[in-house]
Amino acid sequence: QVQLVESGGGLVQPGGSLRLSCTASGSDFVINDINAMSWYRQAPGKQREHVARITSGRNTNYADFVKGRFTISREKNTVYLQMNSLKPEDTAVYYCNAVQGGFVNYWGKGTLVTVSS
């Protein structure tokens, strides 16, 4: 089992920045067996969508709507999402995801990001 805990959400003005963190906890075997960690988001009334992903080999990919603005990184069992040039349409609950063993998915409870003046 992997537990994921997100933090770092909050209210920010358009054009501002936030850094989200997600820390994974569990046995050493399970943590070392995580293949990839990702961030997803879900805006009110919309489906959850993929934002960014980083593999155990530190390969990354991003949704087109965040390229050039968001950066995903990972240090040990924590994954970060640096969000710059935030827009009102980035307002959503941001969820952390971890894939263990190639097919077991774990989710955090989410952290709310609100971009508003």
N, C-alpha and C. Protein backbone atom coordinates (compact mmCIF):
# COMPACT_ATOMS: atom_id res chain seq x y z
N GLN A 1 0.83 -1.19 0.00
CA GLN A 1 0.00 0.00 0.00
C GLN A 1 0.86 1.24 0.00
N VAL A 2 0.40 2.25 -0.72
CA VAL A 2 1.07 3.54 -0.77
C VAL A 2 0.07 4.60 -0.33
N GLN A 3 0.48 5.46 0.56
CA GLN A 3 -0.34 6.61 0.93
C GLN A 3 0.27 7.86 0.32
N LEU A 4 -0.57 8.67 -0.27
CA LEU A 4 -0.13 9.90 -0.92
C LEU A 4 -0.78 11.09 -0.21
N VAL A 5 0.03 12.06 0.14
CA VAL A 5 -0.49 13.26 0.80
C VAL A 5 0.00 14.49 0.05
N GLU A 6 -0.96 15.25 -0.47
CA GLU A 6 -0.63 16.48 -1.20
C GLU A 6 -0.66 17.69 -0.27
N SER A 7 0.09 18.71 -0.65
CA SER A 7 0.06 19.99 0.06
C SER A 7 0.48 21.09 -0.90
N GLY A 8 0.25 22.32 -0.48
CA GLY A 8 0.73 23.46 -1.26
C GLY A 8 -0.34 24.23 -2.01
N GLY A 9 -1.56 23.73 -1.99
CA GLY A 9 -2.62 24.46 -2.68
C GLY A 9 -2.99 25.74 -1.95
N GLY A 10 -3.79 26.55 -2.62
CA GLY A 10 -4.23 27.80 -2.00
C GLY A 10 -4.78 28.75 -3.03
N LEU A 11 -4.96 29.99 -2.60
CA LEU A 11 -5.47 31.06 -3.46
C LEU A 11 -4.31 31.88 -3.98
N VAL A 12 -4.29 32.10 -5.27
CA VAL A 12 -3.23 32.89 -5.89
C VAL A 12 -3.84 33.76 -6.98
N GLN A 13 -3.24 34.91 -7.22
CA GLN A 13 -3.73 35.81 -8.26
C GLN A 13 -3.27 35.32 -9.63
N PRO A 14 -4.00 35.67 -10.67
CA PRO A 14 -3.54 35.33 -12.03
C PRO A 14 -2.12 35.85 -12.27
N GLY A 15 -1.32 34.99 -12.91
CA GLY A 15 0.08 35.33 -13.14
C GLY A 15 1.01 34.88 -12.02
N GLY A 16 0.43 34.44 -10.92
CA GLY A 16 1.23 34.03 -9.78
C GLY A 16 1.72 32.60 -9.88
N SER A 17 2.37 32.15 -8.81
CA SER A 17 2.98 30.82 -8.78
C SER A 17 2.60 30.08 -7.51
N LEU A 18 2.58 28.77 -7.62
CA LEU A 18 2.40 27.88 -6.48
C LEU A 18 3.26 26.65 -6.71
N ARG A 19 3.65 26.01 -5.62
CA ARG A 19 4.38 24.76 -5.70
C ARG A 19 3.62 23.71 -4.89
N LEU A 20 3.18 22.69 -5.58
CA LEU A 20 2.50 21.58 -4.93
C LEU A 20 3.50 20.48 -4.60
N SER A 21 3.24 19.80 -3.50
CA SER A 21 4.06 18.66 -3.10
C SER A 21 3.17 17.45 -2.85
N CYS A 22 3.73 16.29 -3.09
CA CYS A 22 3.02 15.04 -2.80
C CYS A 22 4.06 14.06 -2.28
N THR A 23 3.84 13.60 -1.06
CA THR A 23 4.76 12.67 -0.45
C THR A 23 4.12 11.29 -0.36
N ALA A 24 4.86 10.32 -0.84
CA ALA A 24 4.41 8.92 -0.79
C ALA A 24 5.01 8.22 0.42
N SER A 25 4.18 7.46 1.10
CA SER A 25 4.67 6.68 2.24
C SER A 25 4.20 5.25 2.10
N GLY A 26 4.99 4.35 2.66
CA GLY A 26 4.70 2.93 2.59
C GLY A 26 5.98 2.17 2.84
N SER A 27 5.93 0.89 2.61
CA SER A 27 7.14 0.09 2.82
C SER A 27 8.19 0.45 1.78
N ASP A 28 9.45 0.20 2.10
CA ASP A 28 10.53 0.51 1.15
C ASP A 28 10.32 -0.24 -0.16
N PHE A 29 9.87 -1.49 -0.07
CA PHE A 29 9.65 -2.28 -1.28
C PHE A 29 8.63 -1.62 -2.19
N VAL A 30 7.52 -1.18 -1.59
CA VAL A 30 6.46 -0.57 -2.40
C VAL A 30 6.91 0.76 -2.99
N ILE A 31 7.58 1.57 -2.18
CA ILE A 31 8.04 2.87 -2.66
C ILE A 31 9.02 2.69 -3.82
N ASN A 32 9.92 1.75 -3.67
CA ASN A 32 10.91 1.52 -4.74
C ASN A 32 10.29 0.90 -5.98
N ASP A 33 9.07 0.39 -5.84
CA ASP A 33 8.39 -0.25 -6.95
C ASP A 33 7.47 0.72 -7.70
N ILE A 34 7.50 2.00 -7.31
CA ILE A 34 6.68 3.01 -8.00
C ILE A 34 7.33 3.33 -9.35
N ASN A 35 6.58 3.14 -10.43
CA ASN A 35 7.11 3.36 -11.77
C ASN A 35 7.01 4.83 -12.18
N ALA A 36 5.91 5.46 -11.78
CA ALA A 36 5.68 6.84 -12.21
C ALA A 36 4.77 7.53 -11.21
N MET A 37 4.95 8.83 -11.14
CA MET A 37 4.07 9.67 -10.33
C MET A 37 3.55 10.80 -11.20
N SER A 38 2.32 11.15 -10.98
CA SER A 38 1.67 12.13 -11.84
C SER A 38 0.82 13.10 -11.02
N TRP A 39 0.50 14.20 -11.67
CA TRP A 39 -0.49 15.13 -11.17
C TRP A 39 -1.67 15.15 -12.15
N TYR A 40 -2.85 15.10 -11.58
CA TYR A 40 -4.09 15.28 -12.32
C TYR A 40 -4.83 16.43 -11.69
N ARG A 41 -5.84 16.91 -12.38
CA ARG A 41 -6.67 17.95 -11.79
C ARG A 41 -8.11 17.78 -12.23
N GLN A 42 -9.00 18.29 -11.40
CA GLN A 42 -10.42 18.24 -11.72
C GLN A 42 -11.06 19.56 -11.34
N ALA A 43 -11.53 20.26 -12.36
CA ALA A 43 -12.23 21.52 -12.15
C ALA A 43 -13.71 21.24 -11.89
N PRO A 44 -14.40 22.16 -11.25
CA PRO A 44 -15.83 21.96 -10.98
C PRO A 44 -16.61 21.66 -12.25
N GLY A 45 -17.38 20.59 -12.22
CA GLY A 45 -18.21 20.23 -13.36
C GLY A 45 -17.48 19.59 -14.52
N LYS A 46 -16.19 19.32 -14.34
CA LYS A 46 -15.41 18.73 -15.42
C LYS A 46 -14.80 17.41 -14.99
N GLN A 47 -14.35 16.65 -15.98
CA GLN A 47 -13.70 15.38 -15.70
C GLN A 47 -12.27 15.60 -15.24
N ARG A 48 -11.76 14.64 -14.51
CA ARG A 48 -10.36 14.70 -14.09
C ARG A 48 -9.48 14.58 -15.33
N GLU A 49 -8.42 15.39 -15.37
CA GLU A 49 -7.52 15.37 -16.53
C GLU A 49 -6.07 15.30 -16.08
N HIS A 50 -5.27 14.70 -16.93
CA HIS A 50 -3.85 14.55 -16.65
C HIS A 50 -3.13 15.88 -16.83
N VAL A 51 -2.21 16.17 -15.93
CA VAL A 51 -1.45 17.42 -16.01
C VAL A 51 0.01 17.15 -16.34
N ALA A 52 0.65 16.29 -15.57
CA ALA A 52 2.08 16.03 -15.77
C ALA A 52 2.44 14.69 -15.14
N ARG A 53 3.52 14.10 -15.67
CA ARG A 53 3.95 12.77 -15.23
C ARG A 53 5.46 12.71 -15.21
N ILE A 54 5.99 12.00 -14.23
CA ILE A 54 7.43 11.77 -14.17
C ILE A 54 7.66 10.31 -13.83
N THR A 55 8.54 9.67 -14.59
CA THR A 55 8.81 8.26 -14.38
C THR A 55 9.95 8.07 -13.38
N SER A 56 10.19 6.84 -13.02
CA SER A 56 11.29 6.54 -12.11
C SER A 56 12.63 6.90 -12.73
N GLY A 57 12.67 6.93 -14.08
CA GLY A 57 13.88 7.35 -14.77
C GLY A 57 13.95 8.84 -15.00
N ARG A 58 13.00 9.58 -14.40
CA ARG A 58 12.94 11.05 -14.46
C ARG A 58 12.55 11.57 -15.83
N ASN A 59 11.95 10.71 -16.66
CA ASN A 59 11.36 11.22 -17.90
C ASN A 59 10.04 11.91 -17.55
N THR A 60 9.76 12.99 -18.25
CA THR A 60 8.56 13.77 -17.95
C THR A 60 7.71 13.98 -19.19
N ASN A 61 6.44 14.15 -18.97
CA ASN A 61 5.57 14.62 -20.04
C ASN A 61 4.46 15.48 -19.43
N TYR A 62 3.94 16.36 -20.26
CA TYR A 62 2.99 17.37 -19.80
C TYR A 62 1.79 17.46 -20.74
N ALA A 63 0.67 17.84 -20.17
CA ALA A 63 -0.47 18.20 -21.00
C ALA A 63 -0.14 19.48 -21.75
N ASP A 64 -0.68 19.61 -22.93
CA ASP A 64 -0.37 20.79 -23.75
C ASP A 64 -0.71 22.10 -23.04
N PHE A 65 -1.76 22.08 -22.25
CA PHE A 65 -2.23 23.33 -21.67
C PHE A 65 -1.34 23.81 -20.51
N VAL A 66 -0.34 23.03 -20.10
CA VAL A 66 0.56 23.50 -19.05
C VAL A 66 2.02 23.57 -19.51
N LYS A 67 2.29 23.14 -20.73
CA LYS A 67 3.67 23.17 -21.22
C LYS A 67 4.24 24.59 -21.17
N GLY A 68 5.43 24.68 -20.63
CA GLY A 68 6.09 25.97 -20.52
C GLY A 68 5.72 26.74 -19.27
N ARG A 69 4.71 26.27 -18.54
CA ARG A 69 4.29 26.96 -17.32
C ARG A 69 4.50 26.10 -16.07
N PHE A 70 4.27 24.81 -16.19
CA PHE A 70 4.38 23.90 -15.04
C PHE A 70 5.61 23.01 -15.21
N THR A 71 6.21 22.65 -14.08
CA THR A 71 7.35 21.75 -14.08
C THR A 71 7.16 20.71 -13.00
N ILE A 72 7.27 19.44 -13.40
CA ILE A 72 7.18 18.35 -12.44
C ILE A 72 8.58 17.85 -12.13
N SER A 73 8.80 17.53 -10.86
CA SER A 73 10.09 17.00 -10.45
C SER A 73 9.86 16.02 -9.31
N ARG A 74 10.90 15.24 -9.04
CA ARG A 74 10.75 14.23 -7.98
C ARG A 74 12.07 14.13 -7.22
N GLU A 75 11.94 14.05 -5.92
CA GLU A 75 13.09 13.84 -5.05
C GLU A 75 12.71 12.76 -4.05
N LYS A 76 13.37 11.63 -4.18
CA LYS A 76 13.08 10.46 -3.34
C LYS A 76 11.60 10.11 -3.46
N ASN A 77 10.86 10.19 -2.38
CA ASN A 77 9.46 9.79 -2.42
C ASN A 77 8.50 10.97 -2.49
N THR A 78 9.01 12.13 -2.89
CA THR A 78 8.16 13.32 -3.01
C THR A 78 8.18 13.83 -4.45
N VAL A 79 7.01 14.12 -4.97
CA VAL A 79 6.91 14.71 -6.31
C VAL A 79 6.37 16.12 -6.15
N TYR A 80 6.90 17.02 -6.95
CA TYR A 80 6.55 18.43 -6.89
C TYR A 80 5.92 18.87 -8.21
N LEU A 81 5.10 19.88 -8.13
CA LEU A 81 4.58 20.52 -9.33
C LEU A 81 4.74 22.02 -9.14
N GLN A 82 5.71 22.58 -9.84
CA GLN A 82 5.91 24.03 -9.81
C GLN A 82 5.01 24.64 -10.87
N MET A 83 4.11 25.51 -10.44
CA MET A 83 3.14 26.09 -11.35
C MET A 83 3.39 27.60 -11.43
N ASN A 84 3.73 28.06 -12.61
CA ASN A 84 3.99 29.48 -12.85
C ASN A 84 2.95 30.02 -13.83
N SER A 85 2.87 31.34 -13.89
CA SER A 85 1.95 32.00 -14.83
C SER A 85 0.55 31.41 -14.74
N LEU A 86 0.06 31.28 -13.54
CA LEU A 86 -1.23 30.64 -13.34
C LEU A 86 -2.37 31.47 -13.93
N LYS A 87 -3.36 30.75 -14.43
CA LYS A 87 -4.52 31.36 -15.06
C LYS A 87 -5.78 30.95 -14.30
N PRO A 88 -6.84 31.72 -14.40
CA PRO A 88 -8.09 31.32 -13.72
C PRO A 88 -8.55 29.92 -14.11
N GLU A 89 -8.28 29.53 -15.35
CA GLU A 89 -8.71 28.20 -15.80
C GLU A 89 -7.87 27.07 -15.20
N ASP A 90 -6.82 27.41 -14.46
CA ASP A 90 -6.06 26.40 -13.74
C ASP A 90 -6.71 26.05 -12.41
N THR A 91 -7.75 26.77 -12.05
CA THR A 91 -8.46 26.49 -10.81
C THR A 91 -9.04 25.08 -10.82
N ALA A 92 -8.68 24.29 -9.82
CA ALA A 92 -9.10 22.88 -9.77
C ALA A 92 -8.60 22.26 -8.47
N VAL A 93 -9.09 21.07 -8.20
CA VAL A 93 -8.48 20.24 -7.18
C VAL A 93 -7.40 19.43 -7.88
N TYR A 94 -6.20 19.49 -7.36
CA TYR A 94 -5.06 18.79 -7.94
C TYR A 94 -4.80 17.51 -7.14
N TYR A 95 -4.73 16.40 -7.87
CA TYR A 95 -4.54 15.09 -7.26
C TYR A 95 -3.20 14.49 -7.65
N CYS A 96 -2.58 13.85 -6.70
CA CYS A 96 -1.35 13.12 -6.93
C CYS A 96 -1.69 11.65 -7.23
N ASN A 97 -0.97 11.07 -8.16
CA ASN A 97 -1.17 9.67 -8.53
C ASN A 97 0.17 8.97 -8.56
N ALA A 98 0.19 7.73 -8.10
CA ALA A 98 1.39 6.90 -8.19
C ALA A 98 1.01 5.55 -8.77
N VAL A 99 1.84 5.06 -9.65
CA VAL A 99 1.63 3.74 -10.24
C VAL A 99 2.73 2.81 -9.74
N GLN A 100 2.31 1.75 -9.09
CA GLN A 100 3.26 0.79 -8.53
C GLN A 100 3.19 -0.50 -9.31
N GLY A 101 4.36 -1.02 -9.65
CA GLY A 101 4.40 -2.30 -10.33
C GLY A 101 3.81 -2.28 -11.72
N GLY A 102 3.60 -1.10 -12.26
CA GLY A 102 3.10 -0.97 -13.62
C GLY A 102 1.60 -0.92 -13.76
N PHE A 103 0.86 -1.27 -12.69
CA PHE A 103 -0.58 -1.30 -12.89
C PHE A 103 -1.40 -0.96 -11.65
N VAL A 104 -0.79 -0.84 -10.48
CA VAL A 104 -1.55 -0.51 -9.28
C VAL A 104 -1.54 1.00 -9.09
N ASN A 105 -2.71 1.60 -9.11
CA ASN A 105 -2.84 3.05 -8.99
C ASN A 105 -3.22 3.47 -7.58
N TYR A 106 -2.55 4.50 -7.09
CA TYR A 106 -2.88 5.10 -5.82
C TYR A 106 -3.16 6.58 -6.05
N TRP A 107 -4.07 7.11 -5.24
CA TRP A 107 -4.46 8.51 -5.37
C TRP A 107 -4.41 9.20 -4.01
N GLY A 108 -4.02 10.47 -4.05
CA GLY A 108 -4.14 11.29 -2.88
C GLY A 108 -5.55 11.87 -2.80
N LYS A 109 -5.82 12.63 -1.72
CA LYS A 109 -7.14 13.20 -1.54
C LYS A 109 -7.31 14.54 -2.25
N GLY A 110 -6.21 15.10 -2.72
CA GLY A 110 -6.29 16.33 -3.49
C GLY A 110 -6.01 17.59 -2.69
N THR A 111 -5.58 18.62 -3.41
CA THR A 111 -5.36 19.94 -2.81
C THR A 111 -5.94 20.98 -3.76
N LEU A 112 -6.67 21.92 -3.20
CA LEU A 112 -7.40 22.89 -4.01
C LEU A 112 -6.51 24.06 -4.40
N VAL A 113 -6.50 24.36 -5.68
CA VAL A 113 -5.81 25.53 -6.21
C VAL A 113 -6.86 26.47 -6.79
N THR A 114 -6.88 27.70 -6.31
CA THR A 114 -7.82 28.69 -6.80
C THR A 114 -7.04 29.88 -7.34
N VAL A 115 -7.27 30.19 -8.61
CA VAL A 115 -6.59 31.31 -9.25
C VAL A 115 -7.64 32.39 -9.50
N SER A 116 -7.52 33.45 -8.76
CA SER A 116 -8.54 34.50 -8.84
C SER A 116 -7.98 35.81 -8.32
N SER A 117 -8.48 36.90 -8.89
CA SER A 117 -8.09 38.22 -8.40
C SER A 117 -9.11 38.73 -7.38
